Protein backbone atom coordinates (compact mmCIF):
# COMPACT_ATOMS: atom_id res chain seq x y z
CA MET A 1 19.60 -103.57 -14.18
CA PRO A 2 18.48 -106.90 -13.72
CA PRO A 3 17.77 -109.46 -16.62
CA ARG A 4 14.43 -109.79 -18.05
CA LEU A 5 13.82 -113.53 -17.56
CA PRO A 6 10.70 -115.23 -18.52
CA VAL A 7 10.48 -116.86 -15.38
CA PRO A 8 11.80 -116.23 -11.75
CA ALA A 9 15.47 -117.91 -11.64
CA ARG A 10 14.52 -120.60 -9.18
CA GLU A 11 12.21 -121.78 -12.14
CA LEU A 12 14.95 -122.31 -14.56
CA VAL A 13 17.13 -124.40 -12.50
CA GLY A 14 17.02 -127.98 -13.81
CA ARG A 15 15.31 -127.07 -17.30
CA VAL A 16 17.40 -128.12 -20.21
CA LEU A 17 17.85 -125.58 -23.26
CA ARG A 18 18.93 -126.13 -26.63
CA LEU A 19 20.81 -123.02 -27.50
CA ALA A 20 22.44 -122.34 -31.06
CA PRO A 21 25.17 -120.26 -31.91
CA GLY A 22 24.35 -116.72 -31.55
CA ASP A 23 21.96 -117.82 -28.19
CA CYS A 24 25.19 -117.43 -25.54
CA GLN A 25 28.02 -114.96 -25.51
CA TYR A 26 31.80 -116.18 -26.11
CA ILE A 27 30.38 -119.65 -27.57
CA ASP A 28 30.10 -120.35 -31.14
CA TYR A 29 28.26 -123.71 -31.18
CA PRO A 30 25.04 -125.46 -30.33
CA LEU A 31 25.23 -126.20 -26.69
CA THR A 32 22.66 -128.55 -24.43
CA LEU A 33 22.54 -126.92 -21.28
CA ARG A 34 21.09 -128.27 -18.07
CA VAL A 35 20.72 -125.17 -15.68
CA ALA A 36 22.33 -125.43 -12.19
CA CYS A 37 21.68 -121.34 -11.27
CA VAL A 38 21.11 -118.25 -12.77
CA ARG A 39 23.82 -115.56 -11.04
CA VAL A 40 21.24 -112.49 -10.98
CA GLU A 41 24.12 -110.68 -9.47
CA ILE A 42 26.38 -111.48 -12.29
CA SER A 43 23.97 -110.70 -14.78
CA LEU A 44 22.89 -106.94 -13.86
CA TRP A 45 25.76 -106.40 -16.03
CA TYR A 46 24.35 -107.37 -19.09
CA GLY A 47 21.32 -104.83 -19.51
CA GLY A 48 18.65 -107.12 -18.90
CA ASP A 49 19.09 -108.70 -22.33
CA TRP A 50 21.86 -111.37 -21.07
CA ALA A 51 21.73 -113.73 -17.96
CA TRP A 52 25.04 -115.64 -16.73
CA VAL A 53 23.66 -119.40 -16.05
CA GLU A 54 25.73 -122.09 -14.81
CA GLY A 55 25.04 -125.73 -15.73
CA ASP A 56 25.63 -129.00 -16.95
CA ALA A 57 26.77 -129.04 -20.77
CA LEU A 58 25.47 -132.55 -21.71
CA ASP A 59 26.22 -134.76 -24.63
CA ALA A 60 24.15 -135.96 -27.76
CA SER A 61 22.77 -138.89 -25.20
CA GLY A 62 22.39 -136.52 -22.36
CA ARG A 63 25.30 -137.23 -20.66
CA VAL A 64 26.88 -134.15 -18.60
CA ILE A 65 30.25 -133.15 -20.08
CA ALA A 66 31.54 -130.52 -18.18
CA ARG A 67 30.35 -127.80 -15.68
CA THR A 68 29.83 -124.95 -17.99
CA PRO A 69 29.21 -120.87 -17.34
CA ALA A 70 27.48 -119.49 -20.30
CA LEU A 71 25.67 -115.86 -20.95
CA VAL A 72 22.84 -116.86 -22.58
CA SER A 73 20.36 -114.13 -24.56
CA VAL A 74 16.81 -114.02 -22.27
CA ALA A 75 15.00 -114.67 -25.80
CA ALA A 76 16.97 -117.75 -25.72
CA LEU A 77 15.64 -118.39 -22.29
CA ALA A 78 12.01 -117.75 -23.18
CA ARG A 79 11.67 -119.86 -26.38
CA PRO A 80 9.92 -123.11 -25.64
CA GLN A 81 12.07 -126.49 -25.76
CA THR A 82 10.71 -129.12 -28.12
CA GLY A 83 10.29 -132.88 -27.34
CA PRO A 84 11.71 -134.20 -23.96
CA SER A 85 14.83 -133.34 -22.78
CA HIS A 86 17.72 -135.80 -22.71
CA ALA A 87 17.12 -135.74 -18.48
CA ASP A 88 13.48 -136.66 -18.91
CA GLN A 89 14.16 -139.16 -21.21
CA ALA A 90 16.77 -140.75 -18.81
CA ALA A 91 14.63 -140.44 -16.02
CA ALA A 92 11.64 -142.07 -17.98
CA ARG A 93 14.25 -145.42 -17.93
């Protein structure tokens, strides 16, 4: 079953997600992730409730730490992000 994404996968690209523990499988710490792609073909294996996302993990100042894959809950993708993203703040400088 394809993931029940809140918007088409291409519209998630570039979005900065602030993920809490529990929002990702296999990651048990908070993660700020700028989405590079959503792997819908891999996400088919997770019953529609999880999406395989690849992106850049960001530190508190918005700098890239590492390229990171994450299995993210669809509910977390649908959650509104509050405040400007680190990437937005850096672009405004």
